[in-house]
C-alpha atoms as a PDB file:
ATOM      1  CA  MET A   1     -31.452  -6.307  20.072  1.00  0.00           C
ATOM      2  CA  ALA A   2     -30.325  -4.659  16.460  1.00  0.00           C
ATOM      3  CA  LEU A   3     -28.198  -1.692  16.308  1.00  0.00           C
ATOM      4  CA  PRO A   4     -29.101   2.057  15.352  1.00  0.00           C
ATOM      5  CA  THR A   5     -28.760   2.611  11.888  1.00  0.00           C
ATOM      6  CA  THR A   6     -26.488   5.741  13.769  1.00  0.00           C
ATOM      7  CA  LEU A   7     -24.871   4.299  15.847  1.00  0.00           C
ATOM      8  CA  LYS A   8     -23.898   1.113  13.066  1.00  0.00           C
ATOM      9  CA  ARG A   9     -22.379   3.980  11.494  1.00  0.00           C
ATOM     10  CA  ARG A  10     -20.515   5.577  13.808  1.00  0.00           C
ATOM     11  CA  LEU A  11     -19.040   2.224  14.762  1.00  0.00           C
ATOM     12  CA  LEU A  12     -17.910   1.758  11.168  1.00  0.00           C
ATOM     13  CA  GLU A  13     -16.444   5.147  10.676  1.00  0.00           C
ATOM     14  CA  ASN A  14     -14.246   4.239  14.224  1.00  0.00           C
ATOM     15  CA  LEU A  15     -13.062   1.390  12.962  1.00  0.00           C
ATOM     16  CA  TRP A  16     -11.791   2.165   9.871  1.00  0.00           C
ATOM     17  CA  ARG A  17      -7.875   3.818   8.981  1.00  0.00           C
ATOM     18  CA  ILE A  18      -6.450   5.464   6.269  1.00  0.00           C
ATOM     19  CA  SER A  19      -2.763   6.314   6.409  1.00  0.00           C
ATOM     20  CA  THR A  20      -0.972   8.302   3.818  1.00  0.00           C
ATOM     21  CA  LYS A  21       2.788   8.714   3.166  1.00  0.00           C
ATOM     22  CA  ALA A  22       3.713  12.191   1.706  1.00  0.00           C
ATOM     23  CA  THR A  23       4.897  11.780  -2.083  1.00  0.00           C
ATOM     24  CA  ALA A  24       8.272   9.386  -1.793  1.00  0.00           C
ATOM     25  CA  THR A  25      10.943   9.456  -4.700  1.00  0.00           C
ATOM     26  CA  ILE A  26      11.293   6.006  -6.141  1.00  0.00           C
ATOM     27  CA  THR A  27      14.771   4.406  -5.021  1.00  0.00           C
ATOM     28  CA  SER A  28      16.214   1.012  -6.080  1.00  0.00           C
ATOM     29  CA  SER A  29      16.512   0.176  -2.110  1.00  0.00           C
ATOM     30  CA  ASP A  30      13.309  -1.404  -0.360  1.00  0.00           C
ATOM     31  CA  ASP A  31      11.527   1.630   0.062  1.00  0.00           C
ATOM     32  CA  PRO A  32       9.510   1.421   3.601  1.00  0.00           C
ATOM     33  CA  LEU A  33       5.659   3.219   2.740  1.00  0.00           C
ATOM     34  CA  PHE A  34       4.148   2.287   5.623  1.00  0.00           C
ATOM     35  CA  SER A  35       4.779   1.001   9.727  1.00  0.00           C
ATOM     36  CA  VAL A  36       2.828  -1.319  11.272  1.00  0.00           C
ATOM     37  CA  ALA A  37       3.636  -1.156  15.426  1.00  0.00           C
ATOM     38  CA  ASP A  38       2.351  -2.480  18.187  1.00  0.00           C
ATOM     39  CA  GLY A  39      -0.264  -5.405  16.457  1.00  0.00           C
ATOM     40  CA  ARG A  40      -1.430  -7.047  13.505  1.00  0.00           C
ATOM     41  CA  ILE A  41      -3.427  -5.313  10.702  1.00  0.00           C
ATOM     42  CA  ILE A  42      -6.077  -5.963   8.066  1.00  0.00           C
ATOM     43  CA  LEU A  43      -4.931  -3.935   5.014  1.00  0.00           C
ATOM     44  CA  TYR A  44      -7.876  -3.170   2.857  1.00  0.00           C
ATOM     45  CA  ALA A  45      -5.865  -0.957   0.023  1.00  0.00           C
ATOM     46  CA  ILE A  46      -2.977   0.028  -0.683  1.00  0.00           C
ATOM     47  CA  ILE A  47      -2.654   2.806  -3.228  1.00  0.00           C
ATOM     48  CA  GLY A  48       0.002   4.870  -5.161  1.00  0.00           C
ATOM     49  CA  GLU A  49      -0.931   7.692  -7.434  1.00  0.00           C
ATOM     50  CA  VAL A  50       2.243   9.066  -9.748  1.00  0.00           C
ATOM     51  CA  THR A  51       2.640  12.672  -8.924  1.00  0.00           C
ATOM     52  CA  THR A  52       5.732  13.446 -10.986  1.00  0.00           C
ATOM     53  CA  SER A  53       6.120  11.099 -13.975  1.00  0.00           C
ATOM     54  CA  ILE A  54       8.736   8.551 -13.529  1.00  0.00           C
ATOM     55  CA  SER A  55      11.482   8.309 -16.248  1.00  0.00           C
ATOM     56  CA  ALA A  56      12.340   5.667 -19.130  1.00  0.00           C
ATOM     57  CA  THR A  57      14.893   3.864 -16.828  1.00  0.00           C
ATOM     58  CA  ALA A  58      13.730   0.435 -16.547  1.00  0.00           C
ATOM     59  CA  ASN A  59      12.012  -0.630 -13.457  1.00  0.00           C
ATOM     60  CA  LEU A  60       9.923  -3.145 -12.425  1.00  0.00           C
ATOM     61  CA  SER A  61       8.485  -2.708  -8.670  1.00  0.00           C
ATOM     62  CA  LEU A  62       6.261  -4.632  -6.666  1.00  0.00           C
ATOM     63  CA  ILE A  63       4.578  -4.155  -3.089  1.00  0.00           C
ATOM     64  CA  LYS A  64       5.615  -6.280  -0.266  1.00  0.00           C
ATOM     65  CA  VAL A  65       5.631  -6.846   3.897  1.00  0.00           C
ATOM     66  CA  ASN A  66       8.884  -6.774   5.843  1.00  0.00           C
ATOM     67  CA  PRO A  67       7.931  -8.316   9.332  1.00  0.00           C
ATOM     68  CA  THR A  68      10.464  -7.377  12.235  1.00  0.00           C
ATOM     69  CA  THR A  69      10.052 -11.118  13.237  1.00  0.00           C
ATOM     70  CA  GLY A  70      10.241 -13.866   9.872  1.00  0.00           C
ATOM     71  CA  ASP A  71      11.084 -13.409   6.341  1.00  0.00           C
ATOM     72  CA  ASP A  72       9.738 -10.601   3.593  1.00  0.00           C
ATOM     73  CA  TYR A  73       6.703 -11.671   1.865  1.00  0.00           C
ATOM     74  CA  ASP A  74       5.601 -10.516  -1.831  1.00  0.00           C
ATOM     75  CA  LEU A  75       1.866  -8.948  -1.787  1.00  0.00           C
ATOM     76  CA  CYS A  76       2.114  -8.993  -5.546  1.00  0.00           C
ATOM     77  CA  THR A  77       4.339  -9.739  -8.169  1.00  0.00           C
ATOM     78  CA  THR A  78       6.152  -7.178 -10.600  1.00  0.00           C
ATOM     79  CA  SER A  79       5.033  -4.996 -12.728  1.00  0.00           C
ATOM     80  CA  ASN A  80       6.988  -2.372 -15.167  1.00  0.00           C
ATOM     81  CA  LEU A  81       6.654   1.677 -13.363  1.00  0.00           C
ATOM     82  CA  THR A  82       9.020   2.800 -16.534  1.00  0.00           C
ATOM     83  CA  GLY A  83       7.931   5.918 -18.159  1.00  0.00           C
ATOM     84  CA  ARG A  84       4.415   6.221 -16.552  1.00  0.00           C
ATOM     85  CA  ALA A  85       3.016   9.547 -16.668  1.00  0.00           C
ATOM     86  CA  ALA A  86       1.462  11.323 -13.470  1.00  0.00           C
ATOM     87  CA  GLY A  87      -2.043  10.290 -12.691  1.00  0.00           C
ATOM     88  CA  VAL A  88      -1.679   6.612 -12.942  1.00  0.00           C
ATOM     89  CA  MET A  89      -2.720   4.736 -10.055  1.00  0.00           C
ATOM     90  CA  LEU A  90      -1.152   1.922  -8.431  1.00  0.00           C
ATOM     91  CA  SER A  91      -2.956  -0.843  -6.196  1.00  0.00           C
ATOM     92  CA  ILE A  92      -3.240  -4.513  -5.377  1.00  0.00           C
ATOM     93  CA  THR A  93      -5.750  -6.900  -5.964  1.00  0.00           C
ATOM     94  CA  GLY A  94      -5.069  -8.910  -2.839  1.00  0.00           C
ATOM     95  CA  ASP A  95      -3.960 -12.295  -4.964  1.00  0.00           C
ATOM     96  CA  THR A  96      -0.125 -11.942  -4.592  1.00  0.00           C
ATOM     97  CA  GLY A  97      -0.046 -13.810  -7.664  1.00  0.00           C
ATOM     98  CA  ASP A  98      -1.054 -10.690  -9.943  1.00  0.00           C
ATOM     99  CA  GLY A  99       1.262  -8.245 -10.747  1.00  0.00           C
ATOM    100  CA  LEU A 100       1.128  -4.263  -9.042  1.00  0.00           C
ATOM    101  CA  GLN A 101      -1.825  -2.906 -10.797  1.00  0.00           C
ATOM    102  CA  LEU A 102      -1.532   0.156 -13.215  1.00  0.00           C
ATOM    103  CA  GLY A 103      -4.643   1.812 -13.753  1.00  0.00           C
ATOM    104  CA  PHE A 104      -6.829   5.326 -13.286  1.00  0.00           C
ATOM    105  CA  ALA A 105      -8.799   6.694 -10.553  1.00  0.00           C
ATOM    106  CA  GLY A 106     -11.951   4.576 -10.506  1.00  0.00           C
ATOM    107  CA  GLU A 107     -10.355   0.947 -11.952  1.00  0.00           C
ATOM    108  CA  MET A 108      -8.871   0.206  -8.571  1.00  0.00           C
ATOM    109  CA  MET A 109      -9.739  -2.617  -6.955  1.00  0.00           C
ATOM    110  CA  ALA A 110      -9.799  -2.993  -3.170  1.00  0.00           C
ATOM    111  CA  THR A 111      -8.402  -6.272  -1.549  1.00  0.00           C
ATOM    112  CA  ALA A 112     -10.495  -8.346   0.857  1.00  0.00           C
ATOM    113  CA  GLY A 113      -8.356  -8.159   3.752  1.00  0.00           C
ATOM    114  CA  ILE A 114      -4.457  -9.309   3.935  1.00  0.00           C
ATOM    115  CA  VAL A 115      -3.542  -9.682   7.526  1.00  0.00           C
ATOM    116  CA  CYS A 116      -0.107  -7.622   8.321  1.00  0.00           C
ATOM    117  CA  PRO A 117       2.144  -8.451  11.198  1.00  0.00           C
ATOM    118  CA  ILE A 118       4.451  -5.950  12.601  1.00  0.00           C
ATOM    119  CA  GLY A 119       6.766  -4.062  10.606  1.00  0.00           C
ATOM    120  CA  ASP A 120       6.890  -2.483   7.605  1.00  0.00           C
ATOM    121  CA  ILE A 121       4.929  -2.275   4.142  1.00  0.00           C
ATOM    122  CA  GLU A 122       7.724  -1.403   1.007  1.00  0.00           C
ATOM    123  CA  LEU A 123       7.968  -0.867  -2.296  1.00  0.00           C
ATOM    124  CA  GLU A 124      10.821  -2.876  -3.839  1.00  0.00           C
ATOM    125  CA  CYS A 125      12.146  -1.152  -6.639  1.00  0.00           C
ATOM    126  CA  SER A 126      14.749  -2.765  -9.359  1.00  0.00           C
ATOM    127  CA  ALA A 127      16.253   0.531 -10.781  1.00  0.00           C
ATOM    128  CA  SER A 128      16.593   4.374  -9.311  1.00  0.00           C
ATOM    129  CA  PRO A 129      14.835   5.761 -12.183  1.00  0.00           C
ATOM    130  CA  ALA A 130      16.311   9.695 -13.280  1.00  0.00           C
ATOM    131  CA  ALA A 131      12.602  11.098 -11.970  1.00  0.00           C
ATOM    132  CA  GLY A 132       9.620   9.819 -10.683  1.00  0.00           C
ATOM    133  CA  SER A 133       7.156   9.940  -7.155  1.00  0.00           C
ATOM    134  CA  ILE A 134       4.604   8.332  -6.127  1.00  0.00           C
ATOM    135  CA  LYS A 135       1.959   9.487  -2.935  1.00  0.00           C
ATOM    136  CA  TRP A 136       0.612   6.549  -1.002  1.00  0.00           C
ATOM    137  CA  ASP A 137      -2.337   6.055   1.063  1.00  0.00           C
ATOM    138  CA  CYS A 138      -3.548   2.288   2.501  1.00  0.00           C
ATOM    139  CA  LEU A 139      -7.376   1.536   4.117  1.00  0.00           C
ATOM    140  CA  TRP A 140      -6.719  -1.007   6.965  1.00  0.00           C
ATOM    141  CA  ILE A 141      -8.288  -1.951  10.244  1.00  0.00           C
ATOM    142  CA  PRO A 142      -6.292  -3.224  13.698  1.00  0.00           C
ATOM    143  CA  PHE A 143      -6.655  -6.853  13.856  1.00  0.00           C
ATOM    144  CA  ASP A 144      -5.275  -6.810  17.061  1.00  0.00           C
ATOM    145  CA  THR A 145      -5.884  -4.196  20.038  1.00  0.00           C
ATOM    146  CA  GLY A 146      -3.937  -0.724  20.055  1.00  0.00           C
ATOM    147  CA  ALA A 147      -2.280  -2.009  16.431  1.00  0.00           C
ATOM    148  CA  SER A 148      -1.162   1.238  14.504  1.00  0.00           C
ATOM    149  CA  VAL A 149       0.113   2.154  10.795  1.00  0.00           C
ATOM    150  CA  SER A 150       2.154   5.290  10.422  1.00  0.00           C
ATOM    151  CA  ALA A 151       3.752   6.633   6.993  1.00  0.00           C
ATOM    152  CA  ALA A 152       7.424   5.517   7.322  1.00  0.00           C
END
């Protein structure tokens, strides 16, 4: 028996989740963006938008997972955020060999899905610029029943 289209749409709308972290100032430490709790999730996209231009301080940055159990692992390689203007978008492709993607709205790619364990999704930066902040959003679905994501 096929499900009615409206029921299918309602199921999909209730499955997808978006979590937002208020604008975060860039620091030279590992900055937790999102906390994964109560089970694993599938991360489909993590998108940042530069809200305050990043100063000229050299700054190599990447997104990584810091699980509660086990070692950190990178979701991308580093990209240089030096001097990025407000409005620049940041994203990952899902291929850990690709750098943190830089572009503008409409150019960002969603990933095929990355399983993330309980722990934090973090921004790792090599320096603290004099100025610069980024607003972050992630699109995810629960892999385990009860899994959740919140701004860290």
